[in-house]
Amino acid sequence: MSITLSILETYFKLPQVFLFFVGVYYFLTPHRHFVIPSLVPSPTSHDVPESKIHDFNEVFIPLEFTSLVVQLLLNHRSRTFAGWYKSSVVVALMLQVITLANFVPAVLGRIDARPGLPAHQVVLLVFVVTTAWQALTLPSVPQTGGDEDEE
């Protein structure tokens, strides 16, 4: 019974979490604030025309963050790891490490045309590292032989 109540509580808080991320993404624009600045000048509207896809990013990226937060909370509450294959979490973590390697001159040397590291990428890194930690420390969900509806 307590699992059902905690799931209902999560679903009622889901719109609040989503609206929080929409507000943060819309007002603070983390994709335009850089933790590590770019070495090349940012393109102007004359260089690259503004696309309507940016309007969709203000909804889809907060939706992605919301899904990551809810999955992390569900894994924490159930004390099992679910939502991803453990190998896919390792690949996602390796991708984040390779992305960050662009900013370490001792690894790749000096790159003159290096883009900046936006705050959005740092938040995604925190989510991936947390998910990787859960994948390594929490047991997987036990698999059953078949569907319960088949019997």
C-alpha atoms as a PDB file:
ATOM      1  CA  MET A   1       0.000   0.000   0.000  1.00  0.00           C
ATOM      2  CA  SER A   2       2.833   2.421   0.795  1.00  0.00           C
ATOM      3  CA  ILE A   3       4.374   1.868  -2.641  1.00  0.00           C
ATOM      4  CA  THR A   4       1.108   2.886  -4.295  1.00  0.00           C
ATOM      5  CA  LEU A   5       0.894   6.023  -2.162  1.00  0.00           C
ATOM      6  CA  SER A   6       4.478   7.003  -2.961  1.00  0.00           C
ATOM      7  CA  ILE A   7       3.835   6.485  -6.692  1.00  0.00           C
ATOM      8  CA  LEU A   8       0.710   8.654  -6.489  1.00  0.00           C
ATOM      9  CA  GLU A   9       2.670  11.280  -4.582  1.00  0.00           C
ATOM     10  CA  THR A  10       5.311  11.269  -7.321  1.00  0.00           C
ATOM     11  CA  TYR A  11       2.712  11.637 -10.069  1.00  0.00           C
ATOM     12  CA  PHE A  12       1.103  14.594  -8.305  1.00  0.00           C
ATOM     13  CA  LYS A  13       4.492  16.294  -7.975  1.00  0.00           C
ATOM     14  CA  LEU A  14       5.444  15.557 -11.581  1.00  0.00           C
ATOM     15  CA  PRO A  15       3.796  18.690 -13.079  1.00  0.00           C
ATOM     16  CA  GLN A  16       5.444  20.841 -10.421  1.00  0.00           C
ATOM     17  CA  VAL A  17       8.892  19.430 -11.219  1.00  0.00           C
ATOM     18  CA  PHE A  18       8.285  19.869 -14.951  1.00  0.00           C
ATOM     19  CA  LEU A  19       7.116  23.465 -14.539  1.00  0.00           C
ATOM     20  CA  PHE A  20      10.141  24.170 -12.346  1.00  0.00           C
ATOM     21  CA  PHE A  21      12.499  22.968 -15.095  1.00  0.00           C
ATOM     22  CA  VAL A  22      10.555  24.881 -17.759  1.00  0.00           C
ATOM     23  CA  GLY A  23      10.870  28.037 -15.652  1.00  0.00           C
ATOM     24  CA  VAL A  24      14.579  27.504 -15.059  1.00  0.00           C
ATOM     25  CA  TYR A  25      15.214  26.770 -18.718  1.00  0.00           C
ATOM     26  CA  TYR A  26      13.080  29.659 -19.966  1.00  0.00           C
ATOM     27  CA  PHE A  27      14.205  32.383 -17.549  1.00  0.00           C
ATOM     28  CA  LEU A  28      17.789  31.375 -16.761  1.00  0.00           C
ATOM     29  CA  THR A  29      18.627  29.908 -20.209  1.00  0.00           C
ATOM     30  CA  PRO A  30      21.300  27.446 -19.015  1.00  0.00           C
ATOM     31  CA  HIS A  31      22.147  26.580 -22.623  1.00  0.00           C
ATOM     32  CA  ARG A  32      23.385  30.171 -23.111  1.00  0.00           C
ATOM     33  CA  HIS A  33      25.375  30.481 -19.854  1.00  0.00           C
ATOM     34  CA  PHE A  34      28.796  28.910 -20.069  1.00  0.00           C
ATOM     35  CA  VAL A  35      30.793  27.387 -17.219  1.00  0.00           C
ATOM     36  CA  ILE A  36      33.835  27.297 -19.506  1.00  0.00           C
ATOM     37  CA  PRO A  37      33.715  29.996 -22.193  1.00  0.00           C
ATOM     38  CA  SER A  38      34.048  29.236 -25.875  1.00  0.00           C
ATOM     39  CA  LEU A  39      37.285  29.980 -27.716  1.00  0.00           C
ATOM     40  CA  VAL A  40      35.404  31.001 -30.852  1.00  0.00           C
ATOM     41  CA  PRO A  41      32.983  33.903 -31.100  1.00  0.00           C
ATOM     42  CA  SER A  42      29.341  32.884 -30.829  1.00  0.00           C
ATOM     43  CA  PRO A  43      27.403  33.075 -34.093  1.00  0.00           C
ATOM     44  CA  THR A  44      25.094  36.008 -34.630  1.00  0.00           C
ATOM     45  CA  SER A  45      21.616  35.917 -36.110  1.00  0.00           C
ATOM     46  CA  HIS A  46      23.143  36.958 -39.450  1.00  0.00           C
ATOM     47  CA  ASP A  47      25.460  33.926 -39.436  1.00  0.00           C
ATOM     48  CA  VAL A  48      22.849  31.364 -38.461  1.00  0.00           C
ATOM     49  CA  PRO A  49      19.162  32.150 -38.862  1.00  0.00           C
ATOM     50  CA  GLU A  50      17.078  31.570 -35.752  1.00  0.00           C
ATOM     51  CA  SER A  51      15.166  28.306 -35.972  1.00  0.00           C
ATOM     52  CA  LYS A  52      11.832  27.300 -34.482  1.00  0.00           C
ATOM     53  CA  ILE A  53      13.526  24.212 -33.052  1.00  0.00           C
ATOM     54  CA  HIS A  54      14.815  26.374 -30.177  1.00  0.00           C
ATOM     55  CA  ASP A  55      11.213  26.912 -29.078  1.00  0.00           C
ATOM     56  CA  PHE A  56      10.788  23.141 -28.794  1.00  0.00           C
ATOM     57  CA  ASN A  57      13.993  22.849 -26.756  1.00  0.00           C
ATOM     58  CA  GLU A  58      12.408  24.983 -24.045  1.00  0.00           C
ATOM     59  CA  VAL A  59       9.881  22.180 -23.559  1.00  0.00           C
ATOM     60  CA  PHE A  60      11.753  19.005 -24.473  1.00  0.00           C
ATOM     61  CA  ILE A  61      14.926  19.578 -22.455  1.00  0.00           C
ATOM     62  CA  PRO A  62      12.966  20.297 -19.234  1.00  0.00           C
ATOM     63  CA  LEU A  63      10.903  17.203 -20.038  1.00  0.00           C
ATOM     64  CA  GLU A  64      14.118  15.174 -20.282  1.00  0.00           C
ATOM     65  CA  PHE A  65      15.352  16.552 -16.956  1.00  0.00           C
ATOM     66  CA  THR A  66      11.988  15.788 -15.357  1.00  0.00           C
ATOM     67  CA  SER A  67      12.108  12.199 -16.552  1.00  0.00           C
ATOM     68  CA  LEU A  68      15.657  11.812 -15.217  1.00  0.00           C
ATOM     69  CA  VAL A  69      14.714  13.193 -11.796  1.00  0.00           C
ATOM     70  CA  VAL A  70      11.630  10.988 -11.528  1.00  0.00           C
ATOM     71  CA  GLN A  71      13.607   7.884 -12.560  1.00  0.00           C
ATOM     72  CA  LEU A  72      16.334   8.668 -10.022  1.00  0.00           C
ATOM     73  CA  LEU A  73      13.708   9.094  -7.284  1.00  0.00           C
ATOM     74  CA  LEU A  74      11.949   5.875  -8.270  1.00  0.00           C
ATOM     75  CA  ASN A  75      15.246   3.968  -8.180  1.00  0.00           C
ATOM     76  CA  HIS A  76      16.066   5.479  -4.789  1.00  0.00           C
ATOM     77  CA  ARG A  77      12.681   4.630  -3.292  1.00  0.00           C
ATOM     78  CA  SER A  78      12.526   1.092  -4.657  1.00  0.00           C
ATOM     79  CA  ARG A  79      16.192   0.410  -3.826  1.00  0.00           C
ATOM     80  CA  THR A  80      16.599  -1.199  -7.256  1.00  0.00           C
ATOM     81  CA  PHE A  81      18.047   0.074 -10.513  1.00  0.00           C
ATOM     82  CA  ALA A  82      15.600   0.362 -13.400  1.00  0.00           C
ATOM     83  CA  GLY A  83      14.923   2.565 -16.394  1.00  0.00           C
ATOM     84  CA  TRP A  84      18.187   1.985 -18.260  1.00  0.00           C
ATOM     85  CA  TYR A  85      20.397  -0.945 -19.057  1.00  0.00           C
ATOM     86  CA  LYS A  86      23.462  -0.765 -16.865  1.00  0.00           C
ATOM     87  CA  SER A  87      25.682  -0.924 -19.941  1.00  0.00           C
ATOM     88  CA  SER A  88      23.901   2.084 -21.478  1.00  0.00           C
ATOM     89  CA  VAL A  89      24.612   4.107 -18.351  1.00  0.00           C
ATOM     90  CA  VAL A  90      28.302   3.262 -18.675  1.00  0.00           C
ATOM     91  CA  VAL A  91      28.251   4.358 -22.333  1.00  0.00           C
ATOM     92  CA  ALA A  92      26.464   7.614 -21.413  1.00  0.00           C
ATOM     93  CA  LEU A  93      29.054   8.265 -18.695  1.00  0.00           C
ATOM     94  CA  MET A  94      31.882   7.585 -21.151  1.00  0.00           C
ATOM     95  CA  LEU A  95      30.290  10.076 -23.565  1.00  0.00           C
ATOM     96  CA  GLN A  96      30.216  12.717 -20.828  1.00  0.00           C
ATOM     97  CA  VAL A  97      33.871  12.034 -19.943  1.00  0.00           C
ATOM     98  CA  ILE A  98      34.887  12.329 -23.606  1.00  0.00           C
ATOM     99  CA  THR A  99      32.911  15.574 -23.872  1.00  0.00           C
ATOM    100  CA  LEU A 100      34.718  16.965 -20.830  1.00  0.00           C
ATOM    101  CA  ALA A 101      38.070  15.817 -22.224  1.00  0.00           C
ATOM    102  CA  ASN A 102      37.749  18.588 -24.822  1.00  0.00           C
ATOM    103  CA  PHE A 103      38.339  21.077 -22.007  1.00  0.00           C
ATOM    104  CA  VAL A 104      41.488  19.465 -20.557  1.00  0.00           C
ATOM    105  CA  PRO A 105      44.589  20.517 -22.513  1.00  0.00           C
ATOM    106  CA  ALA A 106      46.673  17.739 -20.908  1.00  0.00           C
ATOM    107  CA  VAL A 107      44.429  15.133 -22.545  1.00  0.00           C
ATOM    108  CA  LEU A 108      43.859  16.415 -26.074  1.00  0.00           C
ATOM    109  CA  GLY A 109      46.255  19.305 -26.323  1.00  0.00           C
ATOM    110  CA  ARG A 110      45.228  22.874 -27.020  1.00  0.00           C
ATOM    111  CA  ILE A 111      42.181  23.108 -29.253  1.00  0.00           C
ATOM    112  CA  ASP A 112      41.774  26.545 -30.827  1.00  0.00           C
ATOM    113  CA  ALA A 113      38.195  26.040 -32.017  1.00  0.00           C
ATOM    114  CA  ARG A 114      36.771  24.577 -28.827  1.00  0.00           C
ATOM    115  CA  PRO A 115      33.115  25.324 -28.039  1.00  0.00           C
ATOM    116  CA  GLY A 116      32.068  26.401 -24.549  1.00  0.00           C
ATOM    117  CA  LEU A 117      30.689  24.173 -21.811  1.00  0.00           C
ATOM    118  CA  PRO A 118      27.127  25.294 -21.116  1.00  0.00           C
ATOM    119  CA  ALA A 119      25.547  24.998 -17.666  1.00  0.00           C
ATOM    120  CA  HIS A 120      22.943  22.712 -19.225  1.00  0.00           C
ATOM    121  CA  GLN A 121      25.695  20.172 -19.989  1.00  0.00           C
ATOM    122  CA  VAL A 122      26.959  20.317 -16.398  1.00  0.00           C
ATOM    123  CA  VAL A 123      23.468  19.562 -15.055  1.00  0.00           C
ATOM    124  CA  LEU A 124      23.186  16.640 -17.486  1.00  0.00           C
ATOM    125  CA  LEU A 125      26.592  15.421 -16.278  1.00  0.00           C
ATOM    126  CA  VAL A 126      25.327  15.436 -12.674  1.00  0.00           C
ATOM    127  CA  PHE A 127      22.287  13.363 -13.702  1.00  0.00           C
ATOM    128  CA  VAL A 128      24.422  10.854 -15.638  1.00  0.00           C
ATOM    129  CA  VAL A 129      26.950  10.488 -12.790  1.00  0.00           C
ATOM    130  CA  THR A 130      24.109   9.961 -10.295  1.00  0.00           C
ATOM    131  CA  THR A 131      22.490   7.391 -12.569  1.00  0.00           C
ATOM    132  CA  ALA A 132      25.841   5.618 -12.997  1.00  0.00           C
ATOM    133  CA  TRP A 133      26.293   5.553  -9.224  1.00  0.00           C
ATOM    134  CA  GLN A 134      22.832   3.989  -8.865  1.00  0.00           C
ATOM    135  CA  ALA A 135      23.637   1.462 -11.608  1.00  0.00           C
ATOM    136  CA  LEU A 136      26.792   0.378  -9.807  1.00  0.00           C
ATOM    137  CA  THR A 137      25.403   0.273  -6.269  1.00  0.00           C
ATOM    138  CA  LEU A 138      21.762  -0.789  -6.600  1.00  0.00           C
ATOM    139  CA  PRO A 139      20.672  -4.294  -7.608  1.00  0.00           C
ATOM    140  CA  SER A 140      18.807  -4.771 -10.879  1.00  0.00           C
ATOM    141  CA  VAL A 141      15.089  -5.443 -10.946  1.00  0.00           C
ATOM    142  CA  PRO A 142      14.587  -9.217 -10.818  1.00  0.00           C
ATOM    143  CA  GLN A 143      13.295 -10.617 -14.112  1.00  0.00           C
ATOM    144  CA  THR A 144      10.363 -13.007 -14.089  1.00  0.00           C
ATOM    145  CA  GLY A 145       9.850 -15.919 -16.462  1.00  0.00           C
ATOM    146  CA  GLY A 146       6.906 -14.415 -18.330  1.00  0.00           C
ATOM    147  CA  ASP A 147       3.916 -12.128 -18.130  1.00  0.00           C
ATOM    148  CA  GLU A 148       1.440 -12.679 -15.344  1.00  0.00           C
ATOM    149  CA  ASP A 149      -1.386 -12.241 -17.843  1.00  0.00           C
ATOM    150  CA  GLU A 150      -0.350 -15.337 -19.789  1.00  0.00           C
ATOM    151  CA  GLU A 151      -1.196 -17.720 -16.953  1.00  0.00           C
END
